[in-house]
Amino acid sequence: MLEQGNYRGPIVEWGFGESSKKGTPYFFIIVAIKERESDEGLFVEAAPTHQRRRVVTMYLSGGAMSISASNIRSLGYNEPNLDRLHPESKNPFNLKGQQVVVNVSYEEYEGKEREKVQLVRQSRRLNLEQFGGLSDVSKAFAEAQQKAKDKEEGKIEDPYAGSDHNEG
């Protein structure tokens, strides 16, 4: 049993499956755990007992679809359909060896504790040159903050007040 936390390793296998209970389709990756994240936030070699394979399952239906799509995009796959993700497709997208970080936690399911393995999407660092430097980003932030403050104080009217508009 792995300790809860983040682990890193290469993708060694991937493909599609269907859940046994509901027949829900899913995409999966199998990660060979090589490193664990230390308390200091650095990745160090995992103990031999932790160097095992873990499966990350991404369901392809309902509310899980958007999360799965984001996870799949984070793997570098930006195609409009899933065809090339199938390892036996005519021109398959190769994930083998790609380093990923997974989070291992535990949850209760049907009265039993089970391991939950999720992909940790890495955030991108802000390219300051692309945005004209931090001062430009800060200026835009300050303007947005002032606008929000003016709206709260009633200095400007909220165009969406009383409507069903959902910003998001």
Foldseek 3Di string as FASTA:
>chain_A
DDDWAKFKFAFADKAWDADPPPRFIKIKTKGQTQWTQDPVRDTDGDDPVPRGIDMAIQTCDDPSNVVSVVVVVLLVDDDPDCQQCHPPHPNHDDRGGPMWMKGWDWDADPRRIDIHIHTDRDDDDDDQVVQVHPVNVVVVVVVVVVVVVCCVVVVDDDPCPPHPDDDD
